[in-house]
Amino acid sequence: MEITILSIGRISLDWIQKGLELFESRIGRYIKFSVQVLPDIRNAKSLSVEQIKTEEGKNLLAQINPTDYVVLLDEKGREFTSRGFAEWIQKQMNSGRKRLLLIIGGPYGFSEAVYERADTKIALSSMTFTHEMAKLLLTEQIYRAMTILRREPYHHD
């Protein structure tokens, strides 16, 4: 199985980019992993929130394969402990799916079309984070899940 994070908007903070690169390289030792970044919508200031969500949704949907298991990061999604997330990742790996696609939306969330395509929603927290922080936190949690599954000394209960 491959795990892909798909997100809207580039990383502008150097320290977040360095953290992402660190965890991406570590995850690659365990599983095929990639990060795809879609550009922000151009001329967004002249569009309504719904128009922005619709345009972002079209761009996101164009990246989804029919066989992908699509997971939206959403504040109303299911929350996990780190061990629970590791168990959930293991179930996805055991399912025979080709790609687990974790999507981080733009600042206004997802369009209705993206919600309809999603297979499930998960939350990093009931708090809201910037897409940059969410990407770093998610990437670290995927790495943590891999170390938990391999019983390596990274996670401490």
C-alpha atoms as a PDB file:
ATOM      1  CA  MET A   1       0.000   0.000   0.000  1.00  0.00           C
ATOM      2  CA  GLU A   2       1.022   3.579  -0.598  1.00  0.00           C
ATOM      3  CA  ILE A   3       0.131   6.472   1.679  1.00  0.00           C
ATOM      4  CA  THR A   4      -0.269   9.869   0.042  1.00  0.00           C
ATOM      5  CA  ILE A   5      -0.981  13.204   1.642  1.00  0.00           C
ATOM      6  CA  LEU A   6      -2.730  15.579  -0.744  1.00  0.00           C
ATOM      7  CA  SER A   7      -3.023  19.199   0.314  1.00  0.00           C
ATOM      8  CA  ILE A   8      -3.847  22.663  -0.927  1.00  0.00           C
ATOM      9  CA  GLY A   9      -1.214  25.386  -0.687  1.00  0.00           C
ATOM     10  CA  ARG A  10       2.537  25.416  -0.416  1.00  0.00           C
ATOM     11  CA  ILE A  11       4.548  25.499   2.786  1.00  0.00           C
ATOM     12  CA  SER A  12       5.864  28.992   3.454  1.00  0.00           C
ATOM     13  CA  LEU A  13       7.592  28.400   6.790  1.00  0.00           C
ATOM     14  CA  ASP A  14      11.089  26.942   6.549  1.00  0.00           C
ATOM     15  CA  TRP A  15      10.980  25.140   9.906  1.00  0.00           C
ATOM     16  CA  ILE A  16       7.796  23.302   8.916  1.00  0.00           C
ATOM     17  CA  GLN A  17       9.329  22.328   5.569  1.00  0.00           C
ATOM     18  CA  LYS A  18      12.401  20.942   7.327  1.00  0.00           C
ATOM     19  CA  GLY A  19      10.209  18.946   9.722  1.00  0.00           C
ATOM     20  CA  LEU A  20       8.197  17.556   6.823  1.00  0.00           C
ATOM     21  CA  GLU A  21      11.340  16.505   4.973  1.00  0.00           C
ATOM     22  CA  LEU A  22      12.652  14.775   8.094  1.00  0.00           C
ATOM     23  CA  PHE A  23       9.496  12.726   8.673  1.00  0.00           C
ATOM     24  CA  GLU A  24       8.952  12.028   4.955  1.00  0.00           C
ATOM     25  CA  SER A  25      12.424  10.472   4.711  1.00  0.00           C
ATOM     26  CA  ARG A  26      11.808   8.412   7.841  1.00  0.00           C
ATOM     27  CA  ILE A  27       8.406   7.154   6.666  1.00  0.00           C
ATOM     28  CA  GLY A  28       9.939   6.084   3.363  1.00  0.00           C
ATOM     29  CA  ARG A  29      11.886   3.395   5.219  1.00  0.00           C
ATOM     30  CA  TYR A  30       8.620   1.659   6.145  1.00  0.00           C
ATOM     31  CA  ILE A  31       6.116   2.218   3.374  1.00  0.00           C
ATOM     32  CA  LYS A  32       5.734   3.910   0.011  1.00  0.00           C
ATOM     33  CA  PHE A  33       4.874   7.492   0.899  1.00  0.00           C
ATOM     34  CA  SER A  34       4.360  10.697  -1.043  1.00  0.00           C
ATOM     35  CA  VAL A  35       3.109  14.221  -0.593  1.00  0.00           C
ATOM     36  CA  GLN A  36       1.248  16.082  -3.336  1.00  0.00           C
ATOM     37  CA  VAL A  37       0.662  19.820  -3.058  1.00  0.00           C
ATOM     38  CA  LEU A  38      -1.891  21.634  -5.166  1.00  0.00           C
ATOM     39  CA  PRO A  39      -1.491  25.381  -5.643  1.00  0.00           C
ATOM     40  CA  ASP A  40      -3.802  27.856  -3.982  1.00  0.00           C
ATOM     41  CA  ILE A  41      -6.644  29.122  -6.166  1.00  0.00           C
ATOM     42  CA  ARG A  42      -5.615  32.148  -8.203  1.00  0.00           C
ATOM     43  CA  ASN A  43      -7.529  35.385  -7.717  1.00  0.00           C
ATOM     44  CA  ALA A  44      -9.195  33.923  -4.623  1.00  0.00           C
ATOM     45  CA  LYS A  45      -9.838  37.406  -3.225  1.00  0.00           C
ATOM     46  CA  SER A  46     -12.359  38.022  -5.995  1.00  0.00           C
ATOM     47  CA  LEU A  47     -14.234  34.752  -5.269  1.00  0.00           C
ATOM     48  CA  SER A  48     -16.775  33.809  -2.627  1.00  0.00           C
ATOM     49  CA  VAL A  49     -15.982  31.117  -0.068  1.00  0.00           C
ATOM     50  CA  GLU A  50     -18.243  28.682  -1.930  1.00  0.00           C
ATOM     51  CA  GLN A  51     -16.517  29.430  -5.238  1.00  0.00           C
ATOM     52  CA  ILE A  52     -13.109  28.827  -3.646  1.00  0.00           C
ATOM     53  CA  LYS A  53     -14.266  25.521  -2.138  1.00  0.00           C
ATOM     54  CA  THR A  54     -15.752  24.470  -5.481  1.00  0.00           C
ATOM     55  CA  GLU A  55     -12.552  25.250  -7.402  1.00  0.00           C
ATOM     56  CA  GLU A  56     -10.350  23.564  -4.807  1.00  0.00           C
ATOM     57  CA  GLY A  57     -12.720  20.605  -4.869  1.00  0.00           C
ATOM     58  CA  LYS A  58     -12.370  20.223  -8.640  1.00  0.00           C
ATOM     59  CA  ASN A  59      -8.591  20.251  -8.291  1.00  0.00           C
ATOM     60  CA  LEU A  60      -8.651  17.697  -5.468  1.00  0.00           C
ATOM     61  CA  LEU A  61     -11.073  15.362  -7.238  1.00  0.00           C
ATOM     62  CA  ALA A  62      -8.862  15.387 -10.336  1.00  0.00           C
ATOM     63  CA  GLN A  63      -6.075  13.803  -8.236  1.00  0.00           C
ATOM     64  CA  ILE A  64      -8.182  10.954  -6.840  1.00  0.00           C
ATOM     65  CA  ASN A  65      -8.016   7.516  -8.429  1.00  0.00           C
ATOM     66  CA  PRO A  66     -11.155   5.353  -8.449  1.00  0.00           C
ATOM     67  CA  THR A  67      -9.505   2.755  -6.202  1.00  0.00           C
ATOM     68  CA  ASP A  68      -8.168   5.250  -3.627  1.00  0.00           C
ATOM     69  CA  TYR A  69      -9.427   5.078  -0.076  1.00  0.00           C
ATOM     70  CA  VAL A  70     -10.084   8.777   0.520  1.00  0.00           C
ATOM     71  CA  VAL A  71      -9.724  10.209   4.011  1.00  0.00           C
ATOM     72  CA  LEU A  72     -10.472  13.853   4.728  1.00  0.00           C
ATOM     73  CA  LEU A  73      -8.833  15.632   7.622  1.00  0.00           C
ATOM     74  CA  ASP A  74     -11.817  17.325   9.165  1.00  0.00           C
ATOM     75  CA  GLU A  75     -12.429  18.687  12.659  1.00  0.00           C
ATOM     76  CA  LYS A  76     -15.644  16.632  12.808  1.00  0.00           C
ATOM     77  CA  GLY A  77     -13.841  13.414  11.904  1.00  0.00           C
ATOM     78  CA  ARG A  78     -12.944  10.490  14.104  1.00  0.00           C
ATOM     79  CA  GLU A  79     -10.203  11.190  16.638  1.00  0.00           C
ATOM     80  CA  PHE A  80      -7.557   8.640  17.564  1.00  0.00           C
ATOM     81  CA  THR A  81      -4.878   8.114  20.132  1.00  0.00           C
ATOM     82  CA  SER A  82      -1.485   7.502  18.533  1.00  0.00           C
ATOM     83  CA  ARG A  83      -1.824   3.763  19.177  1.00  0.00           C
ATOM     84  CA  GLY A  84      -5.364   3.783  17.807  1.00  0.00           C
ATOM     85  CA  PHE A  85      -4.174   5.571  14.672  1.00  0.00           C
ATOM     86  CA  ALA A  86      -1.421   2.964  14.252  1.00  0.00           C
ATOM     87  CA  GLU A  87      -3.999   0.169  14.506  1.00  0.00           C
ATOM     88  CA  TRP A  88      -6.201   1.970  11.964  1.00  0.00           C
ATOM     89  CA  ILE A  89      -3.229   2.324   9.581  1.00  0.00           C
ATOM     90  CA  GLN A  90      -2.521  -1.413   9.996  1.00  0.00           C
ATOM     91  CA  LYS A  91      -6.125  -2.234   9.064  1.00  0.00           C
ATOM     92  CA  GLN A  92      -5.793  -0.089   5.951  1.00  0.00           C
ATOM     93  CA  MET A  93      -2.553  -1.879   5.049  1.00  0.00           C
ATOM     94  CA  ASN A  94      -4.225  -5.265   5.577  1.00  0.00           C
ATOM     95  CA  SER A  95      -7.216  -4.287   3.421  1.00  0.00           C
ATOM     96  CA  GLY A  96      -5.368  -4.748   0.139  1.00  0.00           C
ATOM     97  CA  ARG A  97      -5.960  -1.161  -0.925  1.00  0.00           C
ATOM     98  CA  LYS A  98      -3.427   0.308  -3.303  1.00  0.00           C
ATOM     99  CA  ARG A  99      -3.444   3.844  -1.938  1.00  0.00           C
ATOM    100  CA  LEU A 100      -4.583   5.538   1.218  1.00  0.00           C
ATOM    101  CA  LEU A 101      -5.153   9.181   0.283  1.00  0.00           C
ATOM    102  CA  LEU A 102      -5.217  11.626   3.203  1.00  0.00           C
ATOM    103  CA  ILE A 103      -6.491  15.046   2.122  1.00  0.00           C
ATOM    104  CA  ILE A 104      -5.881  18.359   3.867  1.00  0.00           C
ATOM    105  CA  GLY A 105      -8.161  21.038   2.477  1.00  0.00           C
ATOM    106  CA  GLY A 106      -7.818  24.763   2.099  1.00  0.00           C
ATOM    107  CA  PRO A 107      -8.723  27.387   4.691  1.00  0.00           C
ATOM    108  CA  TYR A 108     -12.487  27.021   4.169  1.00  0.00           C
ATOM    109  CA  GLY A 109     -12.701  23.245   4.196  1.00  0.00           C
ATOM    110  CA  PHE A 110     -14.034  21.009   1.457  1.00  0.00           C
ATOM    111  CA  SER A 111     -16.678  21.309  -1.228  1.00  0.00           C
ATOM    112  CA  GLU A 112     -19.748  19.098  -1.028  1.00  0.00           C
ATOM    113  CA  ALA A 113     -18.420  17.064  -3.978  1.00  0.00           C
ATOM    114  CA  VAL A 114     -15.240  16.206  -2.055  1.00  0.00           C
ATOM    115  CA  TYR A 115     -17.262  15.201   1.023  1.00  0.00           C
ATOM    116  CA  GLU A 116     -19.381  12.937  -1.187  1.00  0.00           C
ATOM    117  CA  ARG A 117     -16.279  11.207  -2.607  1.00  0.00           C
ATOM    118  CA  ALA A 118     -14.647  10.692   0.788  1.00  0.00           C
ATOM    119  CA  ASP A 119     -14.685   7.270   2.377  1.00  0.00           C
ATOM    120  CA  THR A 120     -14.164   8.608   5.892  1.00  0.00           C
ATOM    121  CA  LYS A 121     -13.024  11.602   7.919  1.00  0.00           C
ATOM    122  CA  ILE A 122     -10.443  11.782  10.676  1.00  0.00           C
ATOM    123  CA  ALA A 123      -9.435  14.638  12.960  1.00  0.00           C
ATOM    124  CA  LEU A 124      -6.022  15.424  14.342  1.00  0.00           C
ATOM    125  CA  SER A 125      -7.779  17.270  17.141  1.00  0.00           C
ATOM    126  CA  SER A 126     -10.993  19.126  17.799  1.00  0.00           C
ATOM    127  CA  MET A 127      -8.873  22.268  17.473  1.00  0.00           C
ATOM    128  CA  THR A 128      -8.228  23.883  14.105  1.00  0.00           C
ATOM    129  CA  PHE A 129      -4.708  24.103  12.654  1.00  0.00           C
ATOM    130  CA  THR A 130      -3.261  25.824   9.614  1.00  0.00           C
ATOM    131  CA  HIS A 131      -2.847  23.476   6.655  1.00  0.00           C
ATOM    132  CA  GLU A 132       0.917  23.741   7.164  1.00  0.00           C
ATOM    133  CA  MET A 133       0.716  22.641  10.799  1.00  0.00           C
ATOM    134  CA  ALA A 134      -1.817  19.930   9.969  1.00  0.00           C
ATOM    135  CA  LYS A 135       0.504  18.492   7.337  1.00  0.00           C
ATOM    136  CA  LEU A 136       3.442  18.412   9.770  1.00  0.00           C
ATOM    137  CA  LEU A 137       1.358  16.867  12.565  1.00  0.00           C
ATOM    138  CA  LEU A 138      -0.144  14.251  10.247  1.00  0.00           C
ATOM    139  CA  THR A 139       3.242  13.332   8.804  1.00  0.00           C
ATOM    140  CA  GLU A 140       4.706  12.922  12.277  1.00  0.00           C
ATOM    141  CA  GLN A 141       1.752  10.759  13.332  1.00  0.00           C
ATOM    142  CA  ILE A 142       2.206   8.501  10.293  1.00  0.00           C
ATOM    143  CA  TYR A 143       5.859   8.079  11.237  1.00  0.00           C
ATOM    144  CA  ARG A 144       4.856   7.420  14.853  1.00  0.00           C
ATOM    145  CA  ALA A 145       2.320   4.826  13.673  1.00  0.00           C
ATOM    146  CA  MET A 146       5.006   3.021  11.679  1.00  0.00           C
ATOM    147  CA  THR A 147       7.313   2.872  14.705  1.00  0.00           C
ATOM    148  CA  ILE A 148       4.479   1.638  16.928  1.00  0.00           C
ATOM    149  CA  LEU A 149       3.633  -1.107  14.446  1.00  0.00           C
ATOM    150  CA  ARG A 150       7.313  -2.164  14.305  1.00  0.00           C
ATOM    151  CA  ARG A 151       7.659  -1.909  18.102  1.00  0.00           C
ATOM    152  CA  GLU A 152      10.484   0.585  17.759  1.00  0.00           C
ATOM    153  CA  PRO A 153      11.409   2.952  20.606  1.00  0.00           C
ATOM    154  CA  TYR A 154       9.913   6.244  19.442  1.00  0.00           C
ATOM    155  CA  HIS A 155       6.460   6.311  21.031  1.00  0.00           C
ATOM    156  CA  HIS A 156       6.133   6.222  24.813  1.00  0.00           C
ATOM    157  CA  ASP A 157       2.848   5.465  26.567  1.00  0.00           C
END
